[in-house]
Amino acid sequence: MRTAILKPPDSSSQPLSADQAWDEAFRRVESYLVAHHLESRVQLNYLATEVIRDARTRASAEPALAPVVAAMQVLQLRIGAWFARAGNVGDWSDERVRARARLALLTAELPEHCADLFLATGPVPPQLAAALAAGALEPGPKLHLSSMPPAPLEFGFADPVQSARPGRSGWTRLREAASWLLALGLFGAAWAASH
């Protein structure tokens, strides 16, 4: 009895059919939403289906547009519109604005607690908009002048000022010189033996 080994189709050898391409677009949209910590399977399916429906409409107007590209463009536009309704200021095409908005989304823990509000078409509740605004990052700490003197830095090795102390004995210097000569002699002997 022979067993057949099924190999996944090589995407470089044959183009995807239209249905396979839209299935791939659906999976990509779903994965992107999961990356935004949306865990509800029902909500994921609902949002991904809506995005694919809008992407199919967009792709019918632009036939050269691949399904995955159309779906991701629709999803980005929808997320940008939702953040704009939530009070996010800035140009959504700017990567820094998108990164700040995603970070605010994570700090507000919206998808874990209010999954039904994420990407909803209605107005964003004021408490949610406030939570998203509170998650915005400030550029850095404000600098204030201080009268406190800085602490000296300690690096864990001997200070050159201390090593040049006059109280150092001659035997210590002689031992240091002898150890250096010994080390150099061993390296020289190893080199002579290898050549």
N, C-alpha and C. Protein backbone atom coordinates (compact mmCIF):
# COMPACT_ATOMS: atom_id res chain seq x y z
N MET A 1 0.85 -1.18 0.00
CA MET A 1 0.00 0.00 0.00
C MET A 1 0.89 1.23 0.00
N ARG A 2 0.65 2.12 -0.93
CA ARG A 2 1.44 3.34 -1.03
C ARG A 2 0.66 4.49 -0.42
N THR A 3 1.40 5.36 0.27
CA THR A 3 0.75 6.54 0.82
C THR A 3 1.18 7.74 0.00
N ALA A 4 0.25 8.57 -0.26
CA ALA A 4 0.55 9.78 -1.04
C ALA A 4 0.96 10.89 -0.09
N ILE A 5 2.00 11.57 -0.47
CA ILE A 5 2.46 12.71 0.32
C ILE A 5 1.95 13.96 -0.36
N LEU A 6 1.15 14.68 0.36
CA LEU A 6 0.58 15.90 -0.19
C LEU A 6 1.51 17.07 0.12
N LYS A 7 1.88 17.76 -0.91
CA LYS A 7 2.73 18.94 -0.75
C LYS A 7 1.87 20.17 -0.94
N PRO A 8 2.14 21.22 -0.15
CA PRO A 8 1.39 22.45 -0.39
C PRO A 8 1.77 23.01 -1.75
N PRO A 9 0.84 23.64 -2.42
CA PRO A 9 1.16 24.18 -3.74
C PRO A 9 2.22 25.27 -3.63
N ASP A 10 3.14 25.23 -4.56
CA ASP A 10 4.21 26.22 -4.59
C ASP A 10 3.65 27.50 -5.17
N SER A 11 3.68 28.57 -4.39
CA SER A 11 3.07 29.82 -4.82
C SER A 11 3.84 30.46 -5.96
N SER A 12 5.10 30.10 -6.16
CA SER A 12 5.87 30.71 -7.23
C SER A 12 5.60 30.03 -8.57
N SER A 13 5.11 28.77 -8.55
CA SER A 13 4.93 28.05 -9.80
C SER A 13 3.57 28.31 -10.44
N GLN A 14 2.56 28.53 -9.64
CA GLN A 14 1.24 28.74 -10.22
C GLN A 14 0.53 29.88 -9.50
N PRO A 15 -0.16 30.73 -10.24
CA PRO A 15 -0.88 31.82 -9.58
C PRO A 15 -2.09 31.29 -8.83
N LEU A 16 -2.46 32.02 -7.80
CA LEU A 16 -3.63 31.64 -7.02
C LEU A 16 -4.89 31.93 -7.81
N SER A 17 -5.89 31.07 -7.64
CA SER A 17 -7.17 31.37 -8.25
C SER A 17 -7.80 32.52 -7.49
N ALA A 18 -8.87 33.06 -8.04
CA ALA A 18 -9.51 34.22 -7.40
C ALA A 18 -10.00 33.89 -6.00
N ASP A 19 -10.61 32.71 -5.84
CA ASP A 19 -11.10 32.33 -4.51
C ASP A 19 -9.96 32.11 -3.54
N GLN A 20 -8.88 31.48 -3.99
CA GLN A 20 -7.74 31.27 -3.12
C GLN A 20 -7.10 32.60 -2.73
N ALA A 21 -7.06 33.54 -3.65
CA ALA A 21 -6.47 34.85 -3.36
C ALA A 21 -7.31 35.59 -2.32
N TRP A 22 -8.64 35.49 -2.43
CA TRP A 22 -9.49 36.16 -1.45
C TRP A 22 -9.44 35.44 -0.10
N ASP A 23 -9.26 34.11 -0.12
CA ASP A 23 -9.06 33.39 1.14
C ASP A 23 -7.77 33.83 1.81
N GLU A 24 -6.72 34.00 1.02
CA GLU A 24 -5.45 34.48 1.58
C GLU A 24 -5.62 35.89 2.13
N ALA A 25 -6.35 36.74 1.42
CA ALA A 25 -6.60 38.10 1.91
C ALA A 25 -7.37 38.06 3.23
N PHE A 26 -8.35 37.17 3.34
CA PHE A 26 -9.12 37.01 4.57
C PHE A 26 -8.20 36.60 5.72
N ARG A 27 -7.31 35.63 5.47
CA ARG A 27 -6.38 35.18 6.52
C ARG A 27 -5.44 36.31 6.93
N ARG A 28 -4.97 37.09 5.99
CA ARG A 28 -4.06 38.19 6.32
C ARG A 28 -4.77 39.26 7.15
N VAL A 29 -5.99 39.57 6.79
CA VAL A 29 -6.77 40.57 7.56
C VAL A 29 -6.99 40.05 8.97
N GLU A 30 -7.35 38.78 9.08
CA GLU A 30 -7.57 38.18 10.39
C GLU A 30 -6.29 38.21 11.23
N SER A 31 -5.17 37.87 10.62
CA SER A 31 -3.89 37.88 11.34
C SER A 31 -3.52 39.29 11.78
N TYR A 32 -3.80 40.26 10.94
CA TYR A 32 -3.50 41.65 11.29
C TYR A 32 -4.35 42.10 12.48
N LEU A 33 -5.59 41.70 12.49
CA LEU A 33 -6.46 42.06 13.61
C LEU A 33 -6.05 41.33 14.89
N VAL A 34 -5.59 40.09 14.76
CA VAL A 34 -5.09 39.36 15.93
C VAL A 34 -3.84 40.05 16.46
N ALA A 35 -3.02 40.59 15.58
CA ALA A 35 -1.82 41.33 16.02
C ALA A 35 -2.20 42.58 16.82
N HIS A 36 -3.41 43.07 16.62
CA HIS A 36 -3.91 44.20 17.42
C HIS A 36 -4.60 43.71 18.69
N HIS A 37 -4.39 42.46 19.05
CA HIS A 37 -4.90 41.82 20.27
C HIS A 37 -6.43 41.67 20.26
N LEU A 38 -7.00 41.52 19.11
CA LEU A 38 -8.42 41.22 19.02
C LEU A 38 -8.55 39.71 19.04
N GLU A 39 -9.08 39.17 20.12
CA GLU A 39 -9.08 37.72 20.33
C GLU A 39 -10.44 37.07 20.06
N SER A 40 -11.50 37.81 20.05
CA SER A 40 -12.83 37.24 19.86
C SER A 40 -12.98 36.71 18.44
N ARG A 41 -13.22 35.40 18.31
CA ARG A 41 -13.35 34.80 16.99
C ARG A 41 -14.56 35.37 16.25
N VAL A 42 -15.63 35.62 16.97
CA VAL A 42 -16.84 36.17 16.34
C VAL A 42 -16.54 37.56 15.79
N GLN A 43 -15.91 38.40 16.61
CA GLN A 43 -15.58 39.76 16.18
C GLN A 43 -14.56 39.73 15.04
N LEU A 44 -13.57 38.84 15.13
CA LEU A 44 -12.59 38.71 14.05
C LEU A 44 -13.26 38.35 12.73
N ASN A 45 -14.14 37.37 12.78
CA ASN A 45 -14.83 36.93 11.57
C ASN A 45 -15.69 38.05 11.00
N TYR A 46 -16.40 38.73 11.87
CA TYR A 46 -17.28 39.82 11.44
C TYR A 46 -16.48 40.93 10.77
N LEU A 47 -15.40 41.39 11.44
CA LEU A 47 -14.60 42.48 10.88
C LEU A 47 -13.90 42.08 9.60
N ALA A 48 -13.33 40.86 9.59
CA ALA A 48 -12.62 40.41 8.39
C ALA A 48 -13.59 40.27 7.21
N THR A 49 -14.80 39.79 7.47
CA THR A 49 -15.80 39.66 6.41
C THR A 49 -16.19 41.02 5.86
N GLU A 50 -16.37 42.00 6.73
CA GLU A 50 -16.70 43.36 6.28
C GLU A 50 -15.57 43.96 5.45
N VAL A 51 -14.33 43.77 5.90
CA VAL A 51 -13.18 44.32 5.18
C VAL A 51 -13.06 43.65 3.81
N ILE A 52 -13.24 42.34 3.74
CA ILE A 52 -13.15 41.63 2.46
C ILE A 52 -14.27 42.07 1.52
N ARG A 53 -15.46 42.28 2.07
CA ARG A 53 -16.57 42.76 1.24
C ARG A 53 -16.23 44.12 0.63
N ASP A 54 -15.72 45.04 1.45
CA ASP A 54 -15.34 46.36 0.93
C ASP A 54 -14.15 46.26 -0.03
N ALA A 55 -13.22 45.35 0.24
CA ALA A 55 -12.07 45.18 -0.65
C ALA A 55 -12.50 44.61 -2.00
N ARG A 56 -13.48 43.71 -2.00
CA ARG A 56 -13.99 43.18 -3.28
C ARG A 56 -14.61 44.31 -4.10
N THR A 57 -15.34 45.20 -3.45
CA THR A 57 -15.92 46.34 -4.15
C THR A 57 -14.83 47.22 -4.72
N ARG A 58 -13.79 47.45 -3.93
CA ARG A 58 -12.68 48.28 -4.39
C ARG A 58 -11.92 47.60 -5.53
N ALA A 59 -11.73 46.27 -5.42
CA ALA A 59 -11.01 45.54 -6.46
C ALA A 59 -11.80 45.47 -7.76
N SER A 60 -13.11 45.49 -7.67
CA SER A 60 -13.91 45.48 -8.90
C SER A 60 -13.75 46.79 -9.65
N ALA A 61 -13.51 47.88 -8.93
CA ALA A 61 -13.27 49.17 -9.57
C ALA A 61 -11.84 49.27 -10.11
N GLU A 62 -10.91 48.55 -9.47
CA GLU A 62 -9.51 48.54 -9.90
C GLU A 62 -9.08 47.09 -10.11
N PRO A 63 -9.30 46.51 -11.29
CA PRO A 63 -9.02 45.08 -11.49
C PRO A 63 -7.55 44.68 -11.34
N ALA A 64 -6.63 45.60 -11.51
CA ALA A 64 -5.21 45.27 -11.39
C ALA A 64 -4.77 45.11 -9.93
N LEU A 65 -5.61 45.51 -9.00
CA LEU A 65 -5.28 45.46 -7.57
C LEU A 65 -5.43 44.03 -7.05
N ALA A 66 -4.36 43.51 -6.45
CA ALA A 66 -4.41 42.15 -5.89
C ALA A 66 -5.33 42.13 -4.68
N PRO A 67 -6.00 41.01 -4.43
CA PRO A 67 -6.93 40.94 -3.30
C PRO A 67 -6.30 41.25 -1.94
N VAL A 68 -5.08 40.75 -1.70
CA VAL A 68 -4.43 41.02 -0.42
C VAL A 68 -4.14 42.50 -0.27
N VAL A 69 -3.67 43.12 -1.34
CA VAL A 69 -3.36 44.56 -1.29
C VAL A 69 -4.63 45.36 -1.08
N ALA A 70 -5.68 45.01 -1.80
CA ALA A 70 -6.95 45.73 -1.65
C ALA A 70 -7.48 45.59 -0.23
N ALA A 71 -7.41 44.37 0.32
CA ALA A 71 -7.93 44.12 1.67
C ALA A 71 -7.12 44.90 2.71
N MET A 72 -5.81 44.91 2.59
CA MET A 72 -4.99 45.63 3.57
C MET A 72 -5.17 47.14 3.45
N GLN A 73 -5.35 47.64 2.24
CA GLN A 73 -5.62 49.07 2.09
C GLN A 73 -6.95 49.45 2.73
N VAL A 74 -7.96 48.64 2.52
CA VAL A 74 -9.27 48.91 3.13
C VAL A 74 -9.16 48.84 4.65
N LEU A 75 -8.43 47.86 5.16
CA LEU A 75 -8.27 47.72 6.61
C LEU A 75 -7.52 48.92 7.19
N GLN A 76 -6.45 49.36 6.54
CA GLN A 76 -5.71 50.53 7.02
C GLN A 76 -6.59 51.78 7.02
N LEU A 77 -7.37 51.96 5.96
CA LEU A 77 -8.28 53.11 5.92
C LEU A 77 -9.33 53.04 7.02
N ARG A 78 -9.83 51.85 7.28
CA ARG A 78 -10.86 51.69 8.32
C ARG A 78 -10.28 51.95 9.71
N ILE A 79 -9.07 51.42 9.96
CA ILE A 79 -8.43 51.66 11.26
C ILE A 79 -8.12 53.15 11.42
N GLY A 80 -7.64 53.79 10.35
CA GLY A 80 -7.35 55.23 10.41
C GLY A 80 -8.59 56.05 10.68
N ALA A 81 -9.70 55.69 10.03
CA ALA A 81 -10.96 56.42 10.26
C ALA A 81 -11.44 56.21 11.70
N TRP A 82 -11.27 55.00 12.23
CA TRP A 82 -11.69 54.74 13.60
C TRP A 82 -10.86 55.55 14.59
N PHE A 83 -9.55 55.60 14.38
CA PHE A 83 -8.70 56.39 15.26
C PHE A 83 -9.00 57.88 15.12
N ALA A 84 -9.36 58.33 13.93
CA ALA A 84 -9.72 59.75 13.76
C ALA A 84 -10.99 60.06 14.54
N ARG A 85 -11.97 59.14 14.53
CA ARG A 85 -13.19 59.35 15.33
C ARG A 85 -12.89 59.30 16.82
N ALA A 86 -11.83 58.55 17.19
CA ALA A 86 -11.46 58.45 18.60
C ALA A 86 -10.66 59.66 19.08
N GLY A 87 -10.34 60.57 18.16
CA GLY A 87 -9.65 61.79 18.56
C GLY A 87 -8.16 61.78 18.29
N ASN A 88 -7.67 60.79 17.56
CA ASN A 88 -6.25 60.75 17.23
C ASN A 88 -5.96 61.80 16.16
N VAL A 89 -5.04 62.67 16.46
CA VAL A 89 -4.68 63.70 15.49
C VAL A 89 -3.43 63.26 14.74
N GLY A 90 -3.34 63.67 13.52
CA GLY A 90 -2.18 63.34 12.71
C GLY A 90 -2.58 62.67 11.42
N ASP A 91 -1.64 62.63 10.50
CA ASP A 91 -1.84 62.03 9.19
C ASP A 91 -1.66 60.52 9.30
N TRP A 92 -2.70 59.76 9.02
CA TRP A 92 -2.65 58.31 9.20
C TRP A 92 -1.65 57.65 8.24
N SER A 93 -1.24 58.32 7.19
CA SER A 93 -0.26 57.73 6.28
C SER A 93 1.14 57.77 6.88
N ASP A 94 1.33 58.55 7.94
CA ASP A 94 2.63 58.63 8.60
C ASP A 94 2.79 57.42 9.54
N GLU A 95 3.90 56.70 9.37
CA GLU A 95 4.14 55.49 10.16
C GLU A 95 4.23 55.80 11.65
N ARG A 96 4.79 56.95 12.02
CA ARG A 96 4.91 57.30 13.44
C ARG A 96 3.54 57.52 14.08
N VAL A 97 2.62 58.12 13.34
CA VAL A 97 1.26 58.33 13.85
C VAL A 97 0.58 56.99 14.05
N ARG A 98 0.75 56.07 13.10
CA ARG A 98 0.14 54.74 13.23
C ARG A 98 0.74 53.98 14.41
N ALA A 99 2.05 54.09 14.60
CA ALA A 99 2.70 53.39 15.72
C ALA A 99 2.21 53.94 17.06
N ARG A 100 2.10 55.26 17.17
CA ARG A 100 1.60 55.85 18.42
C ARG A 100 0.16 55.42 18.70
N ALA A 101 -0.65 55.37 17.64
CA ALA A 101 -2.05 54.97 17.82
C ALA A 101 -2.14 53.51 18.27
N ARG A 102 -1.33 52.65 17.67
CA ARG A 102 -1.34 51.24 18.08
C ARG A 102 -0.88 51.09 19.53
N LEU A 103 0.13 51.87 19.91
CA LEU A 103 0.60 51.81 21.29
C LEU A 103 -0.47 52.29 22.25
N ALA A 104 -1.17 53.35 21.88
CA ALA A 104 -2.28 53.84 22.73
C ALA A 104 -3.37 52.78 22.83
N LEU A 105 -3.60 52.06 21.74
CA LEU A 105 -4.60 50.99 21.75
C LEU A 105 -4.20 49.89 22.73
N LEU A 106 -2.92 49.55 22.74
CA LEU A 106 -2.44 48.50 23.65
C LEU A 106 -2.46 48.96 25.10
N THR A 107 -2.05 50.20 25.35
CA THR A 107 -2.04 50.68 26.73
C THR A 107 -3.45 50.87 27.28
N ALA A 108 -4.40 51.15 26.41
CA ALA A 108 -5.80 51.27 26.85
C ALA A 108 -6.44 49.90 27.03
N GLU A 109 -5.75 48.84 26.59
CA GLU A 109 -6.24 47.46 26.67
C GLU A 109 -7.65 47.33 26.10
N LEU A 110 -7.88 48.04 25.00
CA LEU A 110 -9.21 48.05 24.41
C LEU A 110 -9.63 46.69 23.86
N PRO A 111 -8.82 46.04 23.01
CA PRO A 111 -9.34 44.79 22.43
C PRO A 111 -9.64 43.71 23.47
N GLU A 112 -8.92 43.70 24.59
CA GLU A 112 -9.19 42.68 25.59
C GLU A 112 -10.50 42.94 26.34
N HIS A 113 -10.82 44.21 26.56
CA HIS A 113 -11.98 44.54 27.39
C HIS A 113 -13.21 44.95 26.59
N CYS A 114 -13.01 45.64 25.49
CA CYS A 114 -14.15 46.16 24.71
C CYS A 114 -13.97 45.80 23.25
N ALA A 115 -13.92 44.53 22.94
CA ALA A 115 -13.65 44.09 21.57
C ALA A 115 -14.72 44.57 20.59
N ASP A 116 -15.95 44.71 21.07
CA ASP A 116 -17.03 45.13 20.18
C ASP A 116 -16.92 46.60 19.77
N LEU A 117 -16.11 47.39 20.48
CA LEU A 117 -15.96 48.81 20.14
C LEU A 117 -14.83 49.06 19.14
N PHE A 118 -13.89 48.10 19.01
CA PHE A 118 -12.77 48.29 18.11
C PHE A 118 -13.24 48.20 16.67
N LEU A 119 -13.01 49.23 15.91
CA LEU A 119 -13.39 49.38 14.51
C LEU A 119 -14.90 49.42 14.29
N ALA A 120 -15.66 49.74 15.34
CA ALA A 120 -17.10 49.89 15.18
C ALA A 120 -17.37 51.15 14.35
N THR A 121 -18.46 51.13 13.61
CA THR A 121 -18.76 52.25 12.72
C THR A 121 -19.38 53.44 13.45
N GLY A 122 -19.90 53.23 14.63
CA GLY A 122 -20.53 54.31 15.38
C GLY A 122 -19.50 55.20 16.06
N PRO A 123 -19.99 56.20 16.79
CA PRO A 123 -19.07 57.09 17.50
C PRO A 123 -18.35 56.36 18.62
N VAL A 124 -17.15 56.81 18.90
CA VAL A 124 -16.35 56.21 19.97
C VAL A 124 -16.79 56.80 21.29
N PRO A 125 -17.09 55.99 22.31
CA PRO A 125 -17.50 56.52 23.61
C PRO A 125 -16.42 57.44 24.20
N PRO A 126 -16.84 58.48 24.91
CA PRO A 126 -15.87 59.45 25.43
C PRO A 126 -14.84 58.84 26.39
N GLN A 127 -15.26 57.87 27.21
CA GLN A 127 -14.30 57.27 28.14
C GLN A 127 -13.23 56.48 27.38
N LEU A 128 -13.61 55.87 26.26
CA LEU A 128 -12.64 55.15 25.44
C LEU A 128 -11.69 56.13 24.75
N ALA A 129 -12.23 57.22 24.24
CA ALA A 129 -11.38 58.24 23.61
C ALA A 129 -10.41 58.83 24.62
N ALA A 130 -10.86 59.01 25.86
CA ALA A 130 -9.97 59.52 26.91
C ALA A 130 -8.88 58.51 27.23
N ALA A 131 -9.23 57.21 27.26
CA ALA A 131 -8.23 56.17 27.54
C ALA A 131 -7.20 56.11 26.41
N LEU A 132 -7.64 56.27 25.18
CA LEU A 132 -6.70 56.28 24.06
C LEU A 132 -5.81 57.52 24.09
N ALA A 133 -6.39 58.65 24.46
CA ALA A 133 -5.59 59.88 24.55
C ALA A 133 -4.59 59.79 25.70
N ALA A 134 -4.94 59.11 26.79
CA ALA A 134 -4.04 58.97 27.93
C ALA A 134 -2.87 58.06 27.59
N GLY A 135 -3.03 57.20 26.59
CA GLY A 135 -1.97 56.29 26.20
C GLY A 135 -0.94 56.90 25.27
N ALA A 136 -1.12 58.15 24.91
CA ALA A 136 -0.16 58.80 24.01
C ALA A 136 1.16 59.03 24.73
N LEU A 137 2.23 58.91 23.98
CA LEU A 137 3.56 59.09 24.56
C LEU A 137 3.99 60.54 24.52
N GLU A 138 4.66 60.94 25.54
CA GLU A 138 5.28 62.25 25.57
C GLU A 138 6.69 62.11 24.99
N PRO A 139 7.26 63.17 24.44
CA PRO A 139 8.57 63.04 23.80
C PRO A 139 9.70 62.70 24.75
N GLY A 140 9.58 62.97 26.01
CA GLY A 140 10.65 62.63 26.95
C GLY A 140 10.46 63.40 28.23
N PRO A 141 11.31 63.15 29.20
CA PRO A 141 11.17 63.88 30.46
C PRO A 141 11.57 65.33 30.28
N LYS A 142 10.95 66.16 31.07
CA LYS A 142 11.30 67.58 31.04
C LYS A 142 12.53 67.77 31.91
N LEU A 143 13.46 68.51 31.40
CA LEU A 143 14.70 68.73 32.13
C LEU A 143 14.52 69.86 33.13
N HIS A 144 15.03 69.65 34.32
CA HIS A 144 14.99 70.66 35.37
C HIS A 144 16.40 70.86 35.89
N LEU A 145 16.74 72.09 36.20
CA LEU A 145 18.05 72.36 36.78
C LEU A 145 18.07 71.88 38.21
N SER A 146 19.20 71.36 38.60
CA SER A 146 19.34 70.82 39.94
C SER A 146 20.62 71.38 40.56
N SER A 147 20.57 71.62 41.85
CA SER A 147 21.77 72.11 42.54
C SER A 147 22.57 70.97 43.16
N MET A 148 22.14 69.74 42.95
CA MET A 148 22.82 68.59 43.52
C MET A 148 24.10 68.31 42.72
N PRO A 149 25.23 68.13 43.40
CA PRO A 149 26.47 67.85 42.66
C PRO A 149 26.43 66.41 42.12
N PRO A 150 27.04 66.19 40.98
CA PRO A 150 27.02 64.84 40.42
C PRO A 150 27.90 63.90 41.23
N ALA A 151 27.52 62.66 41.28
CA ALA A 151 28.30 61.65 41.99
C ALA A 151 29.48 61.23 41.12
N PRO A 152 30.61 60.92 41.74
CA PRO A 152 31.76 60.48 40.93
C PRO A 152 31.47 59.11 40.32
N LEU A 153 31.99 58.90 39.13
CA LEU A 153 31.80 57.63 38.43
C LEU A 153 32.86 56.64 38.87
N GLU A 154 32.45 55.42 39.13
CA GLU A 154 33.38 54.37 39.50
C GLU A 154 33.28 53.27 38.46
N PHE A 155 34.40 52.93 37.85
CA PHE A 155 34.41 51.95 36.78
C PHE A 155 34.92 50.58 37.22
N GLY A 156 35.38 50.42 38.43
CA GLY A 156 35.77 49.12 38.93
C GLY A 156 37.21 48.73 38.67
N PHE A 157 38.01 49.59 38.11
CA PHE A 157 39.42 49.27 37.94
C PHE A 157 40.25 50.39 38.57
N ALA A 158 41.53 50.15 38.70
CA ALA A 158 42.40 51.08 39.43
C ALA A 158 42.46 52.43 38.75
N ASP A 159 42.42 53.45 39.57
CA ASP A 159 42.54 54.81 39.10
C ASP A 159 44.01 55.10 38.78
N PRO A 160 44.34 55.70 37.62
CA PRO A 160 45.74 55.96 37.30
C PRO A 160 46.41 56.90 38.30
N VAL A 161 45.63 57.75 38.94
CA VAL A 161 46.21 58.65 39.93
C VAL A 161 46.67 57.84 41.14
N GLN A 162 45.89 56.82 41.52
CA GLN A 162 46.28 56.00 42.67
C GLN A 162 47.45 55.09 42.34
N SER A 163 47.57 54.64 41.08
CA SER A 163 48.66 53.73 40.74
C SER A 163 50.01 54.44 40.71
N ALA A 164 50.03 55.74 40.57
CA ALA A 164 51.29 56.49 40.55
C ALA A 164 51.64 57.03 41.93
N ARG A 165 51.09 56.43 42.96
CA ARG A 165 51.37 56.88 44.32
C ARG A 165 52.84 56.66 44.68
N PRO A 166 53.42 57.56 45.41
CA PRO A 166 54.82 57.38 45.78
C PRO A 166 55.02 56.29 46.82
N GLY A 167 54.02 55.86 47.53
CA GLY A 167 54.16 54.87 48.59
C GLY A 167 54.25 53.45 48.06
N ARG A 168 54.22 53.26 46.76
CA ARG A 168 54.26 51.93 46.16
C ARG A 168 55.67 51.35 46.28
N SER A 169 55.78 50.10 46.62
CA SER A 169 57.11 49.52 46.84
C SER A 169 57.76 49.15 45.52
N GLY A 170 59.06 49.03 45.53
CA GLY A 170 59.80 48.67 44.34
C GLY A 170 59.57 47.24 43.94
N TRP A 171 59.29 46.37 44.95
CA TRP A 171 59.04 44.96 44.64
C TRP A 171 57.77 44.78 43.80
N THR A 172 56.78 45.62 44.02
CA THR A 172 55.54 45.52 43.25
C THR A 172 55.81 45.81 41.79
N ARG A 173 56.59 46.85 41.53
CA ARG A 173 56.91 47.20 40.15
C ARG A 173 57.77 46.12 39.50
N LEU A 174 58.66 45.54 40.26
CA LEU A 174 59.53 44.50 39.73
C LEU A 174 58.70 43.25 39.38
N ARG A 175 57.73 42.91 40.24
CA ARG A 175 56.86 41.76 39.94
C ARG A 175 56.02 42.00 38.70
N GLU A 176 55.50 43.24 38.55
CA GLU A 176 54.71 43.57 37.37
C GLU A 176 55.55 43.45 36.11
N ALA A 177 56.77 43.97 36.14
CA ALA A 177 57.65 43.91 34.98
C ALA A 177 58.01 42.47 34.66
N ALA A 178 58.26 41.66 35.68
CA ALA A 178 58.62 40.26 35.46
C ALA A 178 57.45 39.49 34.86
N SER A 179 56.24 39.77 35.31
CA SER A 179 55.08 39.06 34.77
C SER A 179 54.86 39.44 33.30
N TRP A 180 55.08 40.71 32.95
CA TRP A 180 54.95 41.13 31.55
C TRP A 180 56.02 40.46 30.69
N LEU A 181 57.23 40.42 31.18
CA LEU A 181 58.31 39.78 30.42
C LEU A 181 58.03 38.28 30.26
N LEU A 182 57.51 37.64 31.28
CA LEU A 182 57.18 36.23 31.20
C LEU A 182 56.10 35.98 30.15
N ALA A 183 55.05 36.82 30.17
CA ALA A 183 53.96 36.67 29.21
C ALA A 183 54.47 36.87 27.79
N LEU A 184 55.29 37.91 27.57
CA LEU A 184 55.83 38.17 26.24
C LEU A 184 56.76 37.03 25.82
N GLY A 185 57.53 36.50 26.75
CA GLY A 185 58.41 35.38 26.44
C GLY A 185 57.64 34.14 26.04
N LEU A 186 56.53 33.85 26.72
CA LEU A 186 55.71 32.70 26.36
C LEU A 186 55.09 32.86 24.98
N PHE A 187 54.61 34.06 24.67
CA PHE A 187 54.08 34.31 23.33
C PHE A 187 55.15 34.17 22.27
N GLY A 188 56.35 34.67 22.56
CA GLY A 188 57.46 34.55 21.62
C GLY A 188 57.85 33.10 21.41
N ALA A 189 57.88 32.31 22.45
CA ALA A 189 58.24 30.90 22.32
C ALA A 189 57.17 30.14 21.52
N ALA A 190 55.91 30.46 21.75
CA ALA A 190 54.84 29.81 21.00
C ALA A 190 54.92 30.18 19.53
N TRP A 191 55.24 31.43 19.24
CA TRP A 191 55.35 31.86 17.85
C TRP A 191 56.54 31.19 17.18
N ALA A 192 57.68 31.09 17.88
CA ALA A 192 58.88 30.47 17.31
C ALA A 192 58.63 28.99 17.06
N ALA A 193 57.88 28.32 17.94
CA ALA A 193 57.60 26.91 17.76
C ALA A 193 56.67 26.64 16.58
N SER A 194 55.78 27.58 16.30
CA SER A 194 54.83 27.38 15.19
C SER A 194 55.40 27.77 13.85
N HIS A 195 56.51 28.50 13.82
CA HIS A 195 57.08 28.93 12.54
C HIS A 195 58.32 28.21 12.27
